[in-house]
């Protein structure tokens, strides 16, 4: 895969999971470079509609170049999906797709600061028009706070040592670039995992924190259930265990009836209907897809359908 290119992960599986109806209204919560959106549009008829979201201005620019009256792109995080759709006069929708994490163009453009493969400003913001950069946050955060972020979001066992190294280094001069941070992490980590750069977990953690990715995910999932019409589908692709854990638990809980006190004399037919129904098992990329696009390796797709329950 050449730098700057983007191969949409689980393209057909995700769009198949939506069970697209020709006249339906759909939401692509993470437009990226439009792979899923274009596949959805190809299955929609003239009366169908697709609203896409992305907080990355570069992704939005790609979306704005799509000349299709059925398509609209919104510059914004999907955590505000309900408000944006209400403002656009959209009520219930027939399907929502979320393709989580960072896109290949974001990783492959060194200036964005997502990857330690390039020497670039330590930015990491998906929306470059707002918020603090990773460098700005590292310049002021307490050592305990830095360690907590790296430990919780990167699942890094040497988080305390890395945080101490960052605080010590910034007392001499600010940590401005990706290479500076990667070197600090490499020096602070006493053992290395096979085939993984020691900075991998720290960079993941900072990116998740800077963009509030897990908070956005936790906020949008209940909105998705509220927005879906009966028999509407929610398809979510996650790329690491923290995301997938949130998605799996949410879908599991929403697909179970409310728990009532033990021994309560209630007939099975009287139990409240869950708001979601799980559709199939979790889907992972085939060996062929992983061979063609190694970044697909950790992807997991989960699909659920809205029931008739209010």
Protein backbone atom coordinates (compact mmCIF):
# COMPACT_ATOMS: atom_id res chain seq x y z
CA UNK A 1 0.00 0.00 0.00
CA UNK A 2 1.56 3.26 -1.08
CA UNK A 3 1.85 6.19 1.32
CA UNK A 4 -1.18 8.45 1.23
CA UNK A 5 -3.43 5.76 -0.25
CA UNK A 6 -6.40 4.43 1.63
CA UNK A 7 -7.90 0.95 1.45
CA UNK A 8 -11.30 0.80 3.06
CA UNK A 9 -11.40 -2.00 5.63
CA UNK A 10 -14.23 -4.56 5.55
CA UNK A 11 -15.87 -2.55 2.78
CA UNK A 12 -18.42 -5.06 1.52
CA UNK A 13 -18.97 -6.69 4.90
CA UNK A 14 -19.86 -3.37 6.53
CA UNK A 15 -22.15 -2.17 3.75
CA UNK A 16 -23.79 -5.61 3.51
CA UNK A 17 -24.36 -5.39 7.26
CA UNK A 18 -26.39 -2.21 6.76
CA UNK A 19 -28.82 -4.08 4.45
CA UNK A 20 -29.15 -0.89 2.39
CA UNK A 21 -32.63 -0.13 1.05
CA UNK A 22 -32.82 1.85 -2.17
CA UNK A 23 -35.02 4.58 -0.69
CA UNK A 24 -33.42 4.62 2.76
CA UNK A 25 -31.64 7.35 4.71
CA UNK A 26 -28.16 6.43 5.94
CA UNK A 27 -25.36 7.96 7.98
CA UNK A 28 -21.63 7.40 7.52
CA UNK A 29 -20.28 8.71 10.81
CA UNK A 30 -16.65 8.51 9.68
CA UNK A 31 -16.30 9.52 6.01
CA UNK A 32 -12.48 9.27 5.84
CA UNK A 33 -11.77 9.11 2.13
CA UNK A 34 -15.27 7.96 1.26
CA UNK A 35 -14.89 4.25 0.56
CA UNK A 36 -17.91 3.19 2.57
CA UNK A 37 -19.92 6.25 1.51
CA UNK A 38 -19.41 5.56 -2.19
CA UNK A 39 -20.41 1.92 -1.71
CA UNK A 40 -23.60 2.98 0.09
CA UNK A 41 -24.43 5.51 -2.62
CA UNK A 42 -23.98 2.77 -5.24
CA UNK A 43 -26.78 0.79 -3.55
CA UNK A 44 -29.15 3.71 -3.02
CA UNK A 45 -31.82 4.67 -5.50
CA UNK A 46 -32.72 8.19 -6.57
CA UNK A 47 -34.88 8.69 -3.46
CA UNK A 48 -32.17 7.55 -1.05
CA UNK A 49 -30.05 9.85 1.07
CA UNK A 50 -26.65 9.65 2.75
CA UNK A 51 -25.31 12.07 5.38
CA UNK A 52 -21.62 11.70 6.22
CA UNK A 53 -19.60 13.13 9.11
CA UNK A 54 -15.91 13.80 9.55
CA UNK A 55 -13.98 16.15 11.79
CA UNK A 56 -10.88 16.16 9.57
CA UNK A 57 -10.99 19.18 7.21
CA UNK A 58 -9.06 17.24 4.57
CA UNK A 59 -11.63 14.43 4.60
CA UNK A 60 -14.46 16.97 4.41
CA UNK A 61 -12.84 18.53 1.34
CA UNK A 62 -12.81 15.12 -0.36
CA UNK A 63 -16.48 14.67 0.52
CA UNK A 64 -17.42 18.09 -0.81
CA UNK A 65 -16.05 17.06 -4.19
CA UNK A 66 -18.71 14.34 -4.51
CA UNK A 67 -21.31 15.83 -6.84
CA UNK A 68 -24.33 13.78 -5.87
CA UNK A 69 -27.62 15.39 -4.76
CA UNK A 70 -28.29 12.43 -2.46
CA UNK A 71 -25.10 13.10 -0.47
CA UNK A 72 -24.29 15.63 2.26
CA UNK A 73 -21.11 15.88 4.34
CA UNK A 74 -20.92 17.56 7.74
CA UNK A 75 -17.71 18.91 9.28
CA UNK A 76 -18.02 17.71 12.85
CA UNK A 77 -17.41 14.87 15.29
CA UNK A 78 -19.98 12.08 15.28
CA UNK A 79 -20.55 12.63 19.00
CA UNK A 80 -22.87 15.48 17.97
CA UNK A 81 -24.64 13.38 15.33
CA UNK A 82 -28.13 13.77 16.78
CA UNK A 83 -27.92 17.56 16.93
CA UNK A 84 -26.51 17.85 13.41
CA UNK A 85 -29.18 15.59 11.94
CA UNK A 86 -31.95 17.44 13.76
CA UNK A 87 -30.62 20.73 12.39
CA UNK A 88 -30.70 19.21 8.89
CA UNK A 89 -34.30 18.12 9.38
CA UNK A 90 -33.44 14.42 9.52
CA UNK A 91 -35.40 12.32 12.00
CA UNK A 92 -35.09 8.54 11.98
CA UNK A 93 -32.54 6.87 9.70
CA UNK A 94 -32.27 3.37 8.24
CA UNK A 95 -28.63 2.71 8.96
CA UNK A 96 -25.52 4.12 10.62
CA UNK A 97 -21.92 3.11 9.96
CA UNK A 98 -18.99 3.95 12.25
CA UNK A 99 -15.45 3.12 11.08
CA UNK A 100 -13.42 4.02 14.16
CA UNK A 101 -9.83 5.09 14.67
CA UNK A 102 -7.37 6.90 12.47
CA UNK A 103 -7.31 6.70 8.67
CA UNK A 104 -4.36 5.74 6.49
CA UNK A 105 -4.00 9.26 5.01
CA UNK A 106 -3.75 10.68 8.53
CA UNK A 107 -1.02 8.18 9.42
CA UNK A 108 0.83 8.59 6.14
CA UNK A 109 0.91 12.39 6.10
CA UNK A 110 3.86 13.13 8.36
CA UNK A 111 2.83 16.71 9.11
CA UNK A 112 -0.25 15.50 11.00
CA UNK A 113 1.96 14.11 13.77
CA UNK A 114 0.15 10.79 14.17
CA UNK A 115 3.13 8.60 13.32
CA UNK A 116 6.66 8.29 14.69
CA UNK A 117 7.80 7.20 11.20
CA UNK A 118 8.18 10.88 10.32
CA UNK A 119 9.87 13.80 12.04
CA UNK A 120 7.00 16.26 12.32
CA UNK A 121 5.22 18.59 14.74
CA UNK A 122 3.51 16.61 17.50
CA UNK A 123 -0.06 17.54 16.59
CA UNK A 124 -2.31 14.44 16.45
CA UNK A 125 -5.59 16.38 16.14
CA UNK A 126 -8.12 14.90 13.74
CA UNK A 127 -9.75 18.32 13.52
CA UNK A 128 -6.88 20.73 12.97
CA UNK A 129 -9.19 23.73 13.37
CA UNK A 130 -9.75 23.33 17.11
CA UNK A 131 -8.40 21.94 20.35
CA UNK A 132 -4.93 21.48 21.82
CA UNK A 133 -2.18 19.55 20.08
CA UNK A 134 -0.45 16.62 21.73
CA UNK A 135 2.64 18.80 22.22
CA UNK A 136 0.59 21.50 23.97
CA UNK A 137 -0.99 18.97 26.29
CA UNK A 138 2.32 17.30 27.14
CA UNK A 139 3.82 20.71 27.95
CA UNK A 140 1.48 21.30 30.89
CA UNK A 141 -0.01 17.98 32.05
CA UNK A 142 1.14 16.54 35.39
CA UNK A 143 3.24 13.39 35.35
CA UNK A 144 0.46 11.37 36.98
CA UNK A 145 -2.02 12.53 34.34
CA UNK A 146 0.33 11.65 31.49
CA UNK A 147 0.98 8.22 33.01
CA UNK A 148 -2.75 7.59 33.44
CA UNK A 149 -3.49 8.42 29.79
CA UNK A 150 -0.65 6.25 28.48
CA UNK A 151 -1.58 3.37 30.79
CA UNK A 152 -5.35 3.49 30.19
CA UNK A 153 -5.45 4.32 26.48
CA UNK A 154 -2.23 2.63 25.39
CA UNK A 155 -2.32 -0.32 27.78
CA UNK A 156 1.36 0.46 28.35
CA UNK A 157 2.92 -1.18 31.41
CA UNK A 158 5.82 1.30 31.45
CA UNK A 159 3.51 4.34 31.48
CA UNK A 160 4.98 5.74 34.72
CA UNK A 161 8.55 5.59 33.40
CA UNK A 162 7.55 7.19 30.09
CA UNK A 163 5.67 10.00 31.82
CA UNK A 164 8.65 10.70 34.08
CA UNK A 165 10.95 10.85 31.04
CA UNK A 166 8.63 13.32 29.29
CA UNK A 167 8.40 15.60 32.33
CA UNK A 168 12.17 15.51 32.83
CA UNK A 169 12.81 16.31 29.16
CA UNK A 170 10.36 19.21 29.01
CA UNK A 171 12.09 20.86 31.96
CA UNK A 172 15.05 21.31 29.63
CA UNK A 173 13.15 22.10 26.44
CA UNK A 174 9.64 21.50 25.08
CA UNK A 175 8.85 18.19 23.39
CA UNK A 176 7.76 19.49 20.01
CA UNK A 177 8.16 16.68 17.49
CA UNK A 178 7.22 13.07 16.92
CA UNK A 179 10.86 11.95 16.76
CA UNK A 180 11.66 13.64 20.06
CA UNK A 181 8.79 11.85 21.76
CA UNK A 182 9.60 8.50 20.15
CA UNK A 183 13.22 8.76 21.31
CA UNK A 184 12.13 9.57 24.88
CA UNK A 185 9.81 6.56 24.93
CA UNK A 186 12.46 4.24 23.47
CA UNK A 187 14.91 5.27 26.19
CA UNK A 188 12.32 4.81 28.95
CA UNK A 189 11.04 1.37 27.94
CA UNK A 190 13.39 -1.35 29.25
CA UNK A 191 12.02 -4.22 27.12
CA UNK A 192 10.59 -4.28 23.63
CA UNK A 193 7.76 -6.30 22.12
CA UNK A 194 8.60 -8.32 18.99
CA UNK A 195 7.86 -6.46 15.74
CA UNK A 196 6.51 -3.40 17.56
CA UNK A 197 8.18 -0.03 18.03
CA UNK A 198 8.31 0.89 21.74
CA UNK A 199 6.51 4.17 20.97
CA UNK A 200 3.46 2.48 19.40
CA UNK A 201 1.34 2.30 22.55
CA UNK A 202 2.22 5.81 23.70
CA UNK A 203 1.35 7.36 20.34
CA UNK A 204 -1.96 5.48 20.30
CA UNK A 205 -2.76 6.69 23.81
CA UNK A 206 -2.01 10.34 23.08
CA UNK A 207 -4.02 10.26 19.86
CA UNK A 208 -7.03 8.77 21.64
CA UNK A 209 -6.75 11.34 24.43
CA UNK A 210 -6.23 14.39 22.21
CA UNK A 211 -9.26 13.48 20.11
CA UNK A 212 -11.38 12.16 23.00
CA UNK A 213 -12.09 9.12 20.85
CA UNK A 214 -13.49 6.80 23.50
CA UNK A 215 -15.65 9.55 25.00
CA UNK A 216 -17.06 10.37 21.54
CA UNK A 217 -17.80 6.68 20.97
CA UNK A 218 -19.56 6.30 24.31
CA UNK A 219 -21.65 9.40 23.56
CA UNK A 220 -22.68 8.44 20.03
CA UNK A 221 -23.77 4.83 20.56
CA UNK A 222 -26.96 5.70 22.53
CA UNK A 223 -27.72 8.40 19.96
CA UNK A 224 -27.48 5.81 17.20
CA UNK A 225 -30.13 3.65 18.85
CA UNK A 226 -32.42 6.66 19.23
CA UNK A 227 -31.89 7.70 15.61
CA UNK A 228 -32.51 4.31 14.02
CA UNK A 229 -35.92 3.49 12.62
CA UNK A 230 -37.36 0.03 13.30
CA UNK A 231 -35.24 -2.58 11.44
CA UNK A 232 -32.54 0.03 10.88
CA UNK A 233 -28.97 -1.26 11.21
CA UNK A 234 -25.92 -0.08 13.15
CA UNK A 235 -22.53 -1.31 11.89
CA UNK A 236 -19.37 -0.49 13.83
CA UNK A 237 -15.78 -1.29 12.86
CA UNK A 238 -13.24 -1.03 15.68
CA UNK A 239 -9.48 -1.44 15.54
CA UNK A 240 -8.30 -1.98 19.09
CA UNK A 241 -9.53 -3.66 22.24
CA UNK A 242 -10.58 -0.46 24.03
CA UNK A 243 -12.97 0.53 21.24
CA UNK A 244 -14.28 -2.95 20.68
CA UNK A 245 -14.89 -3.48 24.40
CA UNK A 246 -17.13 -0.38 24.50
CA UNK A 247 -19.01 -1.41 21.36
CA UNK A 248 -19.42 -5.06 22.40
CA UNK A 249 -20.73 -4.19 25.86
CA UNK A 250 -23.10 -1.52 24.57
CA UNK A 251 -24.61 -3.77 21.91
CA UNK A 252 -24.87 -6.67 24.36
CA UNK A 253 -26.66 -4.55 26.97
CA UNK A 254 -29.00 -2.92 24.44
CA UNK A 255 -29.94 -6.33 23.03
CA UNK A 256 -31.00 -7.71 26.42
CA UNK A 257 -34.30 -7.03 28.13
CA UNK A 258 -34.27 -4.86 31.23
CA UNK A 259 -33.50 -6.96 34.25
CA UNK A 260 -36.36 -7.29 36.72
CA UNK A 261 -36.16 -8.31 40.38
CA UNK A 262 -35.72 -12.04 40.97
CA UNK A 263 -38.91 -14.12 41.40
CA UNK A 264 -41.12 -11.33 40.06
CA UNK A 265 -44.24 -13.05 38.66
CA UNK A 266 -43.98 -11.84 35.05
CA UNK A 267 -44.70 -13.86 31.91
CA UNK A 268 -42.00 -14.04 29.25
CA UNK A 269 -44.35 -12.25 26.84
CA UNK A 270 -44.62 -9.37 29.28
CA UNK A 271 -40.90 -8.74 29.51
CA UNK A 272 -39.80 -5.45 27.89
CA UNK A 273 -38.44 -5.85 24.36
CA UNK A 274 -34.76 -4.97 23.93
CA UNK A 275 -34.08 -2.01 21.66
CA UNK A 276 -31.47 -3.85 19.57
CA UNK A 277 -31.06 -7.30 18.08
CA UNK A 278 -27.56 -8.57 17.36
CA UNK A 279 -27.00 -9.54 13.72
CA UNK A 280 -24.64 -12.46 13.25
CA UNK A 281 -21.25 -12.82 14.85
CA UNK A 282 -18.36 -10.38 14.91
CA UNK A 283 -16.69 -10.23 11.49
CA UNK A 284 -12.94 -10.00 10.97
CA UNK A 285 -10.97 -9.43 7.76
CA UNK A 286 -10.07 -12.43 5.64
CA UNK A 287 -6.47 -13.54 5.26
CA UNK A 288 -6.52 -12.11 1.75
CA UNK A 289 -7.63 -8.68 2.96
CA UNK A 290 -4.98 -8.60 5.69
CA UNK A 291 -2.32 -9.62 3.16
CA UNK A 292 -3.40 -6.78 0.86
CA UNK A 293 -3.82 -4.26 3.70
CA UNK A 294 -1.94 -5.13 6.94
CA UNK A 295 -3.67 -2.26 8.77
CA UNK A 296 -6.89 -4.29 8.57
CA UNK A 297 -5.42 -6.98 10.82
CA UNK A 298 -7.06 -5.89 14.08
CA UNK A 299 -10.43 -4.77 12.64
CA UNK A 300 -13.66 -6.13 14.11
CA UNK A 301 -17.12 -5.45 12.66
CA UNK A 302 -20.24 -5.75 14.82
CA UNK A 303 -23.77 -5.24 13.52
CA UNK A 304 -27.09 -4.79 15.32
CA UNK A 305 -30.64 -4.06 14.22
CA UNK A 306 -33.20 -1.79 15.83
CA UNK A 307 -36.26 -3.61 17.08
CA UNK A 308 -39.82 -2.31 17.17
CA UNK A 309 -39.37 -1.34 20.83
CA UNK A 310 -39.92 2.34 21.57
